[in-house]
C-alpha atoms as a PDB file:
ATOM      1  CA  MET A   1     122.361  67.014  49.466  1.00  0.00           C
ATOM      2  CA  ARG A   2     119.132  67.951  48.265  1.00  0.00           C
ATOM      3  CA  LYS A   3     117.901  64.362  48.641  1.00  0.00           C
ATOM      4  CA  ASP A   4     118.776  64.236  52.525  1.00  0.00           C
ATOM      5  CA  ILE A   5     117.162  67.460  53.289  1.00  0.00           C
ATOM      6  CA  THR A   6     113.891  65.975  51.243  1.00  0.00           C
ATOM      7  CA  GLU A   7     113.978  63.295  53.743  1.00  0.00           C
ATOM      8  CA  LEU A   8     114.474  65.140  56.852  1.00  0.00           C
ATOM      9  CA  VAL A   9     111.590  67.366  55.979  1.00  0.00           C
ATOM     10  CA  ASP A  10     109.128  63.949  55.196  1.00  0.00           C
ATOM     11  CA  LYS A  11     110.474  62.463  58.848  1.00  0.00           C
ATOM     12  CA  THR A  12     109.364  65.591  60.247  1.00  0.00           C
ATOM     13  CA  ILE A  13     105.939  65.952  58.708  1.00  0.00           C
ATOM     14  CA  SER A  14     105.232  62.239  59.174  1.00  0.00           C
ATOM     15  CA  SER A  15     106.028  62.993  63.008  1.00  0.00           C
ATOM     16  CA  LEU A  16     102.844  65.315  63.145  1.00  0.00           C
ATOM     17  CA  ASP A  17     100.602  62.428  61.879  1.00  0.00           C
ATOM     18  CA  GLY A  18      99.833  61.023  65.316  1.00  0.00           C
ATOM     19  CA  ILE A  19      99.206  64.576  66.994  1.00  0.00           C
ATOM     20  CA  ASN A  20      95.772  65.170  68.466  1.00  0.00           C
ATOM     21  CA  ARG A  21      94.004  68.014  70.076  1.00  0.00           C
ATOM     22  CA  ALA A  22      94.445  68.672  73.593  1.00  0.00           C
ATOM     23  CA  GLU A  23      91.964  68.307  76.278  1.00  0.00           C
ATOM     24  CA  ALA A  24      91.938  69.560  79.568  1.00  0.00           C
ATOM     25  CA  PRO A  25      91.446  66.914  82.231  1.00  0.00           C
ATOM     26  CA  GLY A  26      88.330  66.390  84.112  1.00  0.00           C
ATOM     27  CA  TYR A  27      86.735  69.240  86.439  1.00  0.00           C
ATOM     28  CA  PHE A  28      89.538  71.638  84.962  1.00  0.00           C
ATOM     29  CA  LEU A  29      87.031  74.688  84.831  1.00  0.00           C
ATOM     30  CA  ALA A  30      85.141  73.692  87.604  1.00  0.00           C
ATOM     31  CA  LYS A  31      88.668  73.731  89.617  1.00  0.00           C
ATOM     32  CA  THR A  32      89.886  76.806  88.205  1.00  0.00           C
ATOM     33  CA  LYS A  33      86.559  79.243  89.113  1.00  0.00           C
ATOM     34  CA  ALA A  34      86.893  77.808  92.849  1.00  0.00           C
ATOM     35  CA  LYS A  35      90.526  78.988  92.982  1.00  0.00           C
ATOM     36  CA  LEU A  36      89.770  82.423  91.047  1.00  0.00           C
ATOM     37  CA  TYR A  37      86.742  82.781  93.616  1.00  0.00           C
ATOM     38  CA  ARG A  38      89.113  81.857  96.702  1.00  0.00           C
ATOM     39  CA  SER A  39      91.270  84.470  95.420  1.00  0.00           C
ATOM     40  CA  GLU A  40      88.723  87.454  95.157  1.00  0.00           C
ATOM     41  CA  GLN A  41      87.315  86.330  99.066  1.00  0.00           C
ATOM     42  CA  LYS A  42      91.210  87.112 100.184  1.00  0.00           C
ATOM     43  CA  GLU A  43      91.539  90.152  98.257  1.00  0.00           C
ATOM     44  CA  GLU A  44      88.132  91.387 100.164  1.00  0.00           C
ATOM     45  CA  ARG A  45      89.513  90.752 103.335  1.00  0.00           C
ATOM     46  CA  PHE A  46      92.861  92.425 102.835  1.00  0.00           C
ATOM     47  CA  GLN A  47      90.768  95.288 101.694  1.00  0.00           C
ATOM     48  CA  PHE A  48      88.912  95.341 104.828  1.00  0.00           C
ATOM     49  CA  ARG A  49      91.746  95.562 106.909  1.00  0.00           C
ATOM     50  CA  ARG A  50      93.731  97.908 104.815  1.00  0.00           C
ATOM     51  CA  PRO A  51      91.637 101.445 106.223  1.00  0.00           C
ATOM     52  CA  VAL A  52      92.299  99.846 109.533  1.00  0.00           C
ATOM     53  CA  LEU A  53      95.931  99.804 109.135  1.00  0.00           C
ATOM     54  CA  LEU A  54      96.126 103.058 107.215  1.00  0.00           C
ATOM     55  CA  ILE A  55      93.902 104.653 110.171  1.00  0.00           C
ATOM     56  CA  ALA A  56      96.592 103.366 113.055  1.00  0.00           C
ATOM     57  CA  VAL A  57      99.445 104.340 110.967  1.00  0.00           C
ATOM     58  CA  LEU A  58      98.473 107.972 110.566  1.00  0.00           C
ATOM     59  CA  THR A  59      97.530 108.064 114.249  1.00  0.00           C
ATOM     60  CA  LEU A  60     100.753 106.820 115.151  1.00  0.00           C
ATOM     61  CA  PHE A  61     102.717 109.608 113.175  1.00  0.00           C
ATOM     62  CA  LEU A  62     100.549 112.544 114.273  1.00  0.00           C
ATOM     63  CA  VAL A  63     101.478 111.291 118.166  1.00  0.00           C
ATOM     64  CA  MET A  64     105.253 111.084 116.920  1.00  0.00           C
ATOM     65  CA  ASN A  65     105.304 114.407 115.297  1.00  0.00           C
ATOM     66  CA  SER A  66     103.574 116.220 118.291  1.00  0.00           C
ATOM     67  CA  LEU A  67     105.943 114.514 120.754  1.00  0.00           C
ATOM     68  CA  VAL A  68     108.527 115.925 118.756  1.00  0.00           C
ATOM     69  CA  LEU A  69     107.252 119.625 118.371  1.00  0.00           C
ATOM     70  CA  LEU A  70     106.772 119.448 122.250  1.00  0.00           C
ATOM     71  CA  HIS A  71     110.457 118.067 122.414  1.00  0.00           C
ATOM     72  CA  VAL A  72     111.730 120.823 120.321  1.00  0.00           C
ATOM     73  CA  GLN A  73     109.569 123.421 121.911  1.00  0.00           C
ATOM     74  CA  SER A  74     110.568 122.804 125.532  1.00  0.00           C
ATOM     75  CA  ASN A  75     114.354 122.538 124.014  1.00  0.00           C
ATOM     76  CA  SER A  76     114.318 125.944 122.638  1.00  0.00           C
ATOM     77  CA  ARG A  77     116.227 127.787 125.464  1.00  0.00           C
ATOM     78  CA  TYR A  78     117.841 130.169 122.864  1.00  0.00           C
ATOM     79  CA  THR A  79     117.131 133.935 122.212  1.00  0.00           C
ATOM     80  CA  HIS A  80     117.964 135.790 119.031  1.00  0.00           C
ATOM     81  CA  THR A  81     121.027 137.205 121.088  1.00  0.00           C
ATOM     82  CA  ASP A  82     122.185 134.102 122.005  1.00  0.00           C
ATOM     83  CA  LYS A  83     122.125 132.992 118.195  1.00  0.00           C
ATOM     84  CA  ALA A  84     123.850 135.918 117.196  1.00  0.00           C
ATOM     85  CA  SER A  85     126.190 135.486 119.912  1.00  0.00           C
ATOM     86  CA  ASN A  86     126.999 131.466 118.539  1.00  0.00           C
ATOM     87  CA  VAL A  87     127.494 133.647 114.883  1.00  0.00           C
ATOM     88  CA  ASP A  88     129.873 135.619 116.247  1.00  0.00           C
ATOM     89  CA  GLY A  89     132.050 133.242 117.868  1.00  0.00           C
ATOM     90  CA  PHE A  90     131.708 131.134 115.082  1.00  0.00           C
ATOM     91  CA  ALA A  91     133.336 134.059 112.654  1.00  0.00           C
ATOM     92  CA  LYS A  92     136.099 134.834 115.469  1.00  0.00           C
ATOM     93  CA  GLU A  93     137.223 131.211 115.681  1.00  0.00           C
ATOM     94  CA  TYR A  94     137.495 130.885 111.885  1.00  0.00           C
ATOM     95  CA  GLY A  95     139.140 134.190 111.307  1.00  0.00           C
ATOM     96  CA  PHE A  96     135.927 135.737 109.827  1.00  0.00           C
ATOM     97  CA  THR A  97     134.932 139.214 110.164  1.00  0.00           C
ATOM     98  CA  THR A  98     131.007 140.220 110.626  1.00  0.00           C
ATOM     99  CA  SER A  99     131.183 142.249 107.327  1.00  0.00           C
ATOM    100  CA  ASP A 100     132.200 139.019 105.600  1.00  0.00           C
ATOM    101  CA  TYR A 101     128.603 137.228 105.923  1.00  0.00           C
END
């Protein structure tokens, strides 16, 4: 058994004898730098558009909020007494008295 393990270890070590140091293909560094430079340029263009997009979204948000507020104000025809009568009607319908709430 020990002899088999020794042979396997010797085989494994002898298979490592032909290994050479890994080398990069030609112009690898130049290609890598070019890709990094292109990715930096893309990020700069995106950052230029970001404030414009942000201003557009905020403007749209403010316009929508203003329209909703104007719509709510124009539809609020209820007075305080109308709301009170609605509460009384709700209380009567469900069997509550005014002292319960």
